[in-house]
C-alpha atoms as a PDB file:
ATOM      1  CA  MET A   1      -7.444 -14.352  -8.461  1.00  0.00           C
ATOM      2  CA  ALA A   2      -4.438 -12.383  -9.787  1.00  0.00           C
ATOM      3  CA  LEU A   3      -2.764 -10.624  -5.909  1.00  0.00           C
ATOM      4  CA  PHE A   4      -2.267  -6.984  -5.274  1.00  0.00           C
ATOM      5  CA  ASP A   5      -0.203  -6.024  -2.866  1.00  0.00           C
ATOM      6  CA  PHE A   6       1.501  -1.807  -2.868  1.00  0.00           C
ATOM      7  CA  HIS A   7       3.096  -2.357   0.491  1.00  0.00           C
ATOM      8  CA  THR A   8       6.036  -3.959   0.728  1.00  0.00           C
ATOM      9  CA  HIS A   9      10.455  -3.120   1.343  1.00  0.00           C
ATOM     10  CA  THR A  10      13.416  -4.377   0.151  1.00  0.00           C
ATOM     11  CA  THR A  11      17.011  -3.468   1.261  1.00  0.00           C
ATOM     12  CA  ILE A  12      16.771   0.279  -0.609  1.00  0.00           C
ATOM     13  CA  SER A  13      15.732   1.266   2.974  1.00  0.00           C
ATOM     14  CA  ASP A  14      14.808  -2.037   6.415  1.00  0.00           C
ATOM     15  CA  GLY A  15      13.903  -4.678   3.985  1.00  0.00           C
ATOM     16  CA  ALA A  16      15.794  -8.123   4.074  1.00  0.00           C
ATOM     17  CA  ALA A  17      16.100  -8.757   0.807  1.00  0.00           C
ATOM     18  CA  ASP A  18      16.786  -7.091  -2.798  1.00  0.00           C
ATOM     19  CA  PRO A  19      13.837  -5.587  -5.175  1.00  0.00           C
ATOM     20  CA  LEU A  20      14.521  -8.714  -7.795  1.00  0.00           C
ATOM     21  CA  THR A  21      14.576 -10.919  -4.647  1.00  0.00           C
ATOM     22  CA  MET A  22      10.912 -10.271  -3.922  1.00  0.00           C
ATOM     23  CA  ALA A  23       9.999  -9.717  -7.123  1.00  0.00           C
ATOM     24  CA  ARG A  24      11.183 -12.780  -7.860  1.00  0.00           C
ATOM     25  CA  ARG A  25       8.401 -14.213  -5.025  1.00  0.00           C
ATOM     26  CA  CYS A  26       5.951 -12.408  -6.302  1.00  0.00           C
ATOM     27  CA  ARG A  27       5.933 -13.791  -9.776  1.00  0.00           C
ATOM     28  CA  ASP A  28       5.761 -17.125  -7.608  1.00  0.00           C
ATOM     29  CA  ASN A  29       2.746 -16.178  -5.479  1.00  0.00           C
ATOM     30  CA  GLY A  30       0.341 -15.079  -8.259  1.00  0.00           C
ATOM     31  CA  TYR A  31       1.020 -11.131  -8.075  1.00  0.00           C
ATOM     32  CA  ALA A  32      -0.242  -9.189 -10.104  1.00  0.00           C
ATOM     33  CA  ALA A  33       2.219  -7.149 -10.361  1.00  0.00           C
ATOM     34  CA  TYR A  34       5.397  -5.580  -7.883  1.00  0.00           C
ATOM     35  CA  VAL A  35       5.322  -3.166  -6.428  1.00  0.00           C
ATOM     36  CA  CYS A  36       8.657  -1.177  -4.379  1.00  0.00           C
ATOM     37  CA  SER A  37       7.648   0.791  -1.559  1.00  0.00           C
ATOM     38  CA  ASP A  38      10.379   1.412   0.529  1.00  0.00           C
ATOM     39  CA  HIS A  39      10.517   4.141   4.116  1.00  0.00           C
ATOM     40  CA  VAL A  40      10.988   7.699   2.601  1.00  0.00           C
ATOM     41  CA  ASP A  41      10.571  11.190   4.373  1.00  0.00           C
ATOM     42  CA  GLU A  42      12.076  14.414   5.015  1.00  0.00           C
ATOM     43  CA  ALA A  43      15.779  13.393   4.333  1.00  0.00           C
ATOM     44  CA  THR A  44      16.259  10.406   1.858  1.00  0.00           C
ATOM     45  CA  VAL A  45      13.098  10.995  -0.643  1.00  0.00           C
ATOM     46  CA  HIS A  46      15.677  12.777  -2.763  1.00  0.00           C
ATOM     47  CA  ASP A  47      17.786   9.792  -2.755  1.00  0.00           C
ATOM     48  CA  ARG A  48      15.468   6.924  -2.240  1.00  0.00           C
ATOM     49  CA  VAL A  49      12.574   7.131  -5.368  1.00  0.00           C
ATOM     50  CA  PRO A  50      15.634   6.999  -7.360  1.00  0.00           C
ATOM     51  CA  GLN A  51      16.714   3.976  -6.242  1.00  0.00           C
ATOM     52  CA  ILE A  52      13.281   2.322  -6.320  1.00  0.00           C
ATOM     53  CA  VAL A  53      12.820   3.928  -9.596  1.00  0.00           C
ATOM     54  CA  ALA A  54      15.781   1.746 -11.575  1.00  0.00           C
ATOM     55  CA  ALA A  55      14.951  -1.092  -9.427  1.00  0.00           C
ATOM     56  CA  CYS A  56      11.693  -1.352 -10.668  1.00  0.00           C
ATOM     57  CA  ALA A  57      13.159  -0.838 -14.429  1.00  0.00           C
ATOM     58  CA  GLU A  58      15.238  -3.858 -13.898  1.00  0.00           C
ATOM     59  CA  VAL A  59      12.673  -5.830 -12.261  1.00  0.00           C
ATOM     60  CA  ALA A  60      10.868  -5.420 -15.724  1.00  0.00           C
ATOM     61  CA  ARG A  61      13.535  -6.236 -17.712  1.00  0.00           C
ATOM     62  CA  SER A  62      14.396  -9.221 -15.744  1.00  0.00           C
ATOM     63  CA  LEU A  63      11.170 -10.746 -14.866  1.00  0.00           C
ATOM     64  CA  PRO A  64       7.793 -11.189 -16.774  1.00  0.00           C
ATOM     65  CA  LEU A  65       5.877  -8.662 -14.259  1.00  0.00           C
ATOM     66  CA  ALA A  66       4.649  -5.113 -14.278  1.00  0.00           C
ATOM     67  CA  ALA A  67       7.216  -3.413 -11.990  1.00  0.00           C
ATOM     68  CA  ILE A  68       5.830   0.208  -9.502  1.00  0.00           C
ATOM     69  CA  PRO A  69       7.670   2.384  -7.892  1.00  0.00           C
ATOM     70  CA  ALA A  70       6.147   3.407  -4.251  1.00  0.00           C
ATOM     71  CA  VAL A  71       6.864   4.978  -2.176  1.00  0.00           C
ATOM     72  CA  GLU A  72       5.793   4.878   2.172  1.00  0.00           C
ATOM     73  CA  ILE A  73       5.829   8.406   3.562  1.00  0.00           C
ATOM     74  CA  THR A  74       6.898   7.076   6.869  1.00  0.00           C
ATOM     75  CA  ARG A  75       7.529   9.658  10.216  1.00  0.00           C
ATOM     76  CA  VAL A  76       7.148  13.072   8.746  1.00  0.00           C
ATOM     77  CA  ALA A  77       4.752  15.301  10.246  1.00  0.00           C
ATOM     78  CA  PRO A  78       1.320  15.398   9.143  1.00  0.00           C
ATOM     79  CA  GLY A  79       1.549  19.052   8.187  1.00  0.00           C
ATOM     80  CA  ALA A  80       4.892  17.629   5.736  1.00  0.00           C
ATOM     81  CA  VAL A  81       2.266  14.902   4.536  1.00  0.00           C
ATOM     82  CA  ALA A  82       1.679  16.706   1.179  1.00  0.00           C
ATOM     83  CA  ARG A  83       4.876  18.106   0.133  1.00  0.00           C
ATOM     84  CA  VAL A  84       6.599  14.700   1.012  1.00  0.00           C
ATOM     85  CA  ALA A  85       4.172  13.192  -1.269  1.00  0.00           C
ATOM     86  CA  VAL A  86       5.098  15.565  -4.299  1.00  0.00           C
ATOM     87  CA  GLN A  87       7.866  15.644  -3.885  1.00  0.00           C
ATOM     88  CA  ALA A  88       7.547  11.839  -3.832  1.00  0.00           C
ATOM     89  CA  ARG A  89       5.950  11.430  -7.083  1.00  0.00           C
ATOM     90  CA  ARG A  90       8.029  14.087  -9.099  1.00  0.00           C
ATOM     91  CA  LEU A  91      11.036  12.168  -8.742  1.00  0.00           C
ATOM     92  CA  GLY A  92       8.910   9.032 -10.163  1.00  0.00           C
ATOM     93  CA  ALA A  93       7.319   7.507  -7.335  1.00  0.00           C
ATOM     94  CA  GLN A  94       3.630   5.964  -9.499  1.00  0.00           C
ATOM     95  CA  LEU A  95       1.948   5.223  -5.918  1.00  0.00           C
ATOM     96  CA  VAL A  96       1.674   6.553  -2.713  1.00  0.00           C
ATOM     97  CA  VAL A  97       0.892   4.992   1.273  1.00  0.00           C
ATOM     98  CA  VAL A  98       1.594   6.951   4.253  1.00  0.00           C
ATOM     99  CA  HIS A  99       3.031   5.111   7.494  1.00  0.00           C
ATOM    100  CA  GLY A 100      -0.580   5.272   9.539  1.00  0.00           C
ATOM    101  CA  GLU A 101      -1.058   6.214  12.921  1.00  0.00           C
ATOM    102  CA  THR A 102      -0.590   2.177  14.306  1.00  0.00           C
ATOM    103  CA  LEU A 103      -0.086   1.257  17.365  1.00  0.00           C
ATOM    104  CA  GLY A 104       2.742   0.829  19.100  1.00  0.00           C
ATOM    105  CA  ASP A 105       5.129   2.722  17.013  1.00  0.00           C
ATOM    106  CA  ARG A 106       5.120   6.435  18.337  1.00  0.00           C
ATOM    107  CA  PRO A 107       2.094   7.657  16.278  1.00  0.00           C
ATOM    108  CA  GLN A 108       1.539  11.273  15.462  1.00  0.00           C
ATOM    109  CA  PRO A 109      -1.716  12.691  16.433  1.00  0.00           C
ATOM    110  CA  GLY A 110      -3.371  14.222  13.178  1.00  0.00           C
ATOM    111  CA  LEU A 111      -1.086  11.952  10.929  1.00  0.00           C
ATOM    112  CA  ASN A 112      -4.275   9.371   9.472  1.00  0.00           C
ATOM    113  CA  LEU A 113      -6.400  13.159   8.744  1.00  0.00           C
ATOM    114  CA  ALA A 114      -3.486  14.439   7.077  1.00  0.00           C
ATOM    115  CA  ALA A 115      -2.878  11.624   4.682  1.00  0.00           C
ATOM    116  CA  ALA A 116      -6.222  10.164   4.064  1.00  0.00           C
ATOM    117  CA  ARG A 117      -7.354  14.770   3.230  1.00  0.00           C
ATOM    118  CA  CYS A 118      -4.187  14.733   0.703  1.00  0.00           C
ATOM    119  CA  PRO A 119      -5.055  14.043  -3.140  1.00  0.00           C
ATOM    120  CA  ASP A 120      -1.636  12.669  -3.866  1.00  0.00           C
ATOM    121  CA  VAL A 121      -1.843   9.668  -1.521  1.00  0.00           C
ATOM    122  CA  ASP A 122      -2.732   6.080  -2.690  1.00  0.00           C
ATOM    123  CA  ILE A 123      -3.220   4.378   0.384  1.00  0.00           C
ATOM    124  CA  LEU A 124      -2.652   5.160   4.620  1.00  0.00           C
ATOM    125  CA  GLY A 125      -1.603   1.794   5.819  1.00  0.00           C
ATOM    126  CA  HIS A 126      -2.431   0.236   9.154  1.00  0.00           C
ATOM    127  CA  PRO A 127      -4.196   3.093  10.124  1.00  0.00           C
ATOM    128  CA  GLY A 128      -4.093   2.148  14.328  1.00  0.00           C
ATOM    129  CA  LEU A 129      -7.633   3.194  15.672  1.00  0.00           C
ATOM    130  CA  ILE A 130      -8.642   5.910  12.787  1.00  0.00           C
ATOM    131  CA  SER A 131     -11.379   8.123  13.969  1.00  0.00           C
ATOM    132  CA  GLU A 132     -14.505   8.771  11.654  1.00  0.00           C
ATOM    133  CA  GLU A 133     -13.739  11.524  10.450  1.00  0.00           C
ATOM    134  CA  ALA A 134     -10.717  10.162   8.902  1.00  0.00           C
ATOM    135  CA  ALA A 135     -12.161   7.290   7.054  1.00  0.00           C
ATOM    136  CA  ALA A 136     -14.358  10.139   5.341  1.00  0.00           C
ATOM    137  CA  ALA A 137     -11.819  11.858   4.362  1.00  0.00           C
ATOM    138  CA  ALA A 138     -10.679   8.747   2.770  1.00  0.00           C
ATOM    139  CA  ARG A 139     -13.412   8.367   1.682  1.00  0.00           C
ATOM    140  CA  GLU A 140     -14.442  11.581  -0.176  1.00  0.00           C
ATOM    141  CA  THR A 141     -10.051  11.884  -1.544  1.00  0.00           C
ATOM    142  CA  GLY A 142      -9.959   7.677  -2.587  1.00  0.00           C
ATOM    143  CA  VAL A 143      -7.246   7.487  -0.529  1.00  0.00           C
ATOM    144  CA  HIS A 144      -7.584   3.364   0.763  1.00  0.00           C
ATOM    145  CA  LEU A 145      -7.265   2.183   4.252  1.00  0.00           C
ATOM    146  CA  GLU A 146      -4.998  -0.816   4.853  1.00  0.00           C
ATOM    147  CA  ILE A 147      -6.112  -4.015   6.201  1.00  0.00           C
ATOM    148  CA  THR A 148      -2.441  -5.039   6.788  1.00  0.00           C
ATOM    149  CA  ALA A 149      -0.811  -8.444   7.499  1.00  0.00           C
ATOM    150  CA  ALA A 150       1.708  -7.228   9.471  1.00  0.00           C
ATOM    151  CA  PRO A 151       1.558  -8.908  13.222  1.00  0.00           C
ATOM    152  CA  ALA A 152       3.079  -5.754  14.191  1.00  0.00           C
ATOM    153  CA  HIS A 153       0.383  -3.705  13.076  1.00  0.00           C
ATOM    154  CA  ALA A 154      -3.233  -6.127  12.509  1.00  0.00           C
ATOM    155  CA  GLN A 155      -4.152  -5.865  16.269  1.00  0.00           C
ATOM    156  CA  THR A 156      -5.918  -3.367  14.877  1.00  0.00           C
ATOM    157  CA  ASN A 157      -7.640  -4.563  11.494  1.00  0.00           C
ATOM    158  CA  GLY A 158     -11.356  -5.256  12.942  1.00  0.00           C
ATOM    159  CA  HIS A 159     -11.985  -1.796  13.773  1.00  0.00           C
ATOM    160  CA  VAL A 160     -10.481  -0.281  10.047  1.00  0.00           C
ATOM    161  CA  VAL A 161     -12.803  -2.740   9.220  1.00  0.00           C
ATOM    162  CA  ARG A 162     -15.687  -1.240  10.870  1.00  0.00           C
ATOM    163  CA  ILE A 163     -14.803   2.364  10.497  1.00  0.00           C
ATOM    164  CA  ALA A 164     -14.658   2.240   6.481  1.00  0.00           C
ATOM    165  CA  LEU A 165     -17.353   0.229   6.272  1.00  0.00           C
ATOM    166  CA  ALA A 166     -19.393   2.525   8.594  1.00  0.00           C
ATOM    167  CA  GLU A 167     -17.819   5.972   7.007  1.00  0.00           C
ATOM    168  CA  GLY A 168     -18.030   5.015   3.151  1.00  0.00           C
ATOM    169  CA  ALA A 169     -14.275   4.293   2.945  1.00  0.00           C
ATOM    170  CA  ARG A 170     -12.824   1.788   0.173  1.00  0.00           C
ATOM    171  CA  LEU A 171     -10.759  -1.369   1.590  1.00  0.00           C
ATOM    172  CA  LEU A 172      -7.374  -3.590   0.522  1.00  0.00           C
ATOM    173  CA  LEU A 173      -5.404  -6.009   2.038  1.00  0.00           C
ATOM    174  CA  ASP A 174      -1.617  -4.897   2.299  1.00  0.00           C
ATOM    175  CA  SER A 175       1.474  -7.557   2.764  1.00  0.00           C
ATOM    176  CA  ASP A 176       3.991  -4.659   4.554  1.00  0.00           C
ATOM    177  CA  ALA A 177       6.317  -7.488   3.669  1.00  0.00           C
ATOM    178  CA  HIS A 178      10.067  -7.053   4.369  1.00  0.00           C
ATOM    179  CA  GLN A 179      11.263 -10.148   2.946  1.00  0.00           C
ATOM    180  CA  PRO A 180      10.253 -12.542   0.805  1.00  0.00           C
ATOM    181  CA  ASP A 181       8.451 -14.997   3.095  1.00  0.00           C
ATOM    182  CA  ALA A 182       5.949 -12.080   4.250  1.00  0.00           C
ATOM    183  CA  LEU A 183       4.822 -11.672   0.838  1.00  0.00           C
ATOM    184  CA  LEU A 184       0.577 -13.006   0.751  1.00  0.00           C
ATOM    185  CA  THR A 185      -0.852 -15.891  -1.103  1.00  0.00           C
ATOM    186  CA  GLY A 186      -4.013 -16.200  -2.835  1.00  0.00           C
ATOM    187  CA  PRO A 187      -5.479 -18.335   1.255  1.00  0.00           C
ATOM    188  CA  ARG A 188      -3.282 -16.314   3.077  1.00  0.00           C
ATOM    189  CA  ALA A 189      -5.770 -13.006   1.558  1.00  0.00           C
ATOM    190  CA  GLU A 190      -8.588 -15.119   2.250  1.00  0.00           C
ATOM    191  CA  GLN A 191      -8.005 -16.225   5.531  1.00  0.00           C
ATOM    192  CA  LEU A 192      -6.992 -12.114   6.822  1.00  0.00           C
ATOM    193  CA  LEU A 193      -9.897 -10.919   5.246  1.00  0.00           C
ATOM    194  CA  LEU A 194     -12.630 -13.077   6.998  1.00  0.00           C
ATOM    195  CA  GLY A 195     -10.103 -12.922  10.105  1.00  0.00           C
ATOM    196  CA  SER A 196     -10.832  -8.941   9.772  1.00  0.00           C
ATOM    197  CA  GLY A 197     -14.503  -9.248  10.088  1.00  0.00           C
ATOM    198  CA  LEU A 198     -15.788  -9.154   6.529  1.00  0.00           C
ATOM    199  CA  ARG A 199     -18.251 -11.507   5.155  1.00  0.00           C
ATOM    200  CA  PRO A 200     -17.065 -14.023   1.923  1.00  0.00           C
ATOM    201  CA  GLU A 201     -18.817 -11.356  -0.570  1.00  0.00           C
ATOM    202  CA  GLN A 202     -17.193  -8.018   0.106  1.00  0.00           C
ATOM    203  CA  VAL A 203     -13.632 -10.310   0.389  1.00  0.00           C
ATOM    204  CA  ALA A 204     -14.197 -11.309  -2.795  1.00  0.00           C
ATOM    205  CA  ALA A 205     -15.146  -7.972  -3.838  1.00  0.00           C
ATOM    206  CA  ILE A 206     -12.490  -6.523  -1.999  1.00  0.00           C
ATOM    207  CA  ARG A 207      -9.772  -9.177  -3.826  1.00  0.00           C
ATOM    208  CA  ALA A 208     -11.478  -8.488  -7.402  1.00  0.00           C
ATOM    209  CA  GLY A 209     -11.291  -4.839  -7.195  1.00  0.00           C
ATOM    210  CA  ALA A 210      -9.449  -3.653  -4.661  1.00  0.00           C
ATOM    211  CA  GLY A 211      -6.254  -3.200  -6.837  1.00  0.00           C
ATOM    212  CA  LEU A 212      -7.795  -2.298  -9.879  1.00  0.00           C
ATOM    213  CA  ALA A 213      -8.757   0.660  -8.250  1.00  0.00           C
ATOM    214  CA  VAL A 214      -6.288   2.194  -6.841  1.00  0.00           C
ATOM    215  CA  LEU A 215      -4.104   1.543 -10.430  1.00  0.00           C
ATOM    216  CA  ALA A 216      -7.430   2.589 -11.812  1.00  0.00           C
ATOM    217  CA  ARG A 217      -6.596   6.296  -9.605  1.00  0.00           C
ATOM    218  CA  ARG A 218      -3.615   6.630 -11.704  1.00  0.00           C
ATOM    219  CA  GLY A 219      -4.152   5.919 -14.527  1.00  0.00           C
ATOM    220  CA  ILE A 220      -1.522   2.701 -14.306  1.00  0.00           C
ATOM    221  CA  LEU A 221      -1.942  -0.059 -16.863  1.00  0.00           C
ATOM    222  CA  VAL A 222      -0.825  -3.913 -15.829  1.00  0.00           C
ATOM    223  CA  PRO A 223      -0.789  -6.405 -18.870  1.00  0.00           C
ATOM    224  CA  GLU A 224      -3.111  -8.857 -18.714  1.00  0.00           C
ATOM    225  CA  VAL A 225      -4.812  -7.744 -15.586  1.00  0.00           C
ATOM    226  CA  THR A 226      -6.223  -3.953 -15.934  1.00  0.00           C
ATOM    227  CA  PRO A 227      -9.211  -4.356 -18.212  1.00  0.00           C
ATOM    228  CA  ALA A 228      -9.553  -2.322 -21.119  1.00  0.00           C
ATOM    229  CA  GLY A 229     -10.878   1.761 -20.694  1.00  0.00           C
ATOM    230  CA  SER A 230     -10.312   1.334 -17.277  1.00  0.00           C
END
């Protein structure tokens, strides 16, 4: 089964490897596409998004792998999330992740809810102790809530799953990888999803459908993976 992972970082922001190196490991691990989602904020969005777009174009020229430019909006006030998301899209980002209210990382009250309500956001990354209200808002807008492989943020995966299932919000798994060794493999993805409290049939559904749902919402086609007409 092909892997989707919408949350990875490179030397464009705080990652340890350049985009092409990360993309090569994605290819080797069986990823369906490479998504470069480096950190941006109000001060860096105009410089970094063009770099991300150019890096993805180079990956697509160099490897037999689709490359999708994205961003992770990080340390932005709740009231600025929508504005930065619009700017990122205008500059060429096809997907938008927002750094959620993860524990131990200066969470900003109201950030989860602002991101969940924003139609230009695709994924609420590691949302910590997300509220029922924010999960319900994500359900209405189609924002996916992230189960994360990042050890620093994964302590609330079980809570995120419980709230998402109760409120009918969509879930996916991302690596939040800052180096090649942190990228997902199929067995690791299975372990992380089961460890978050999901049943095997729920794990299978997320692995089969969550990534395609994110892409379909934005009309992004990945050759040989995205079903015709989706």
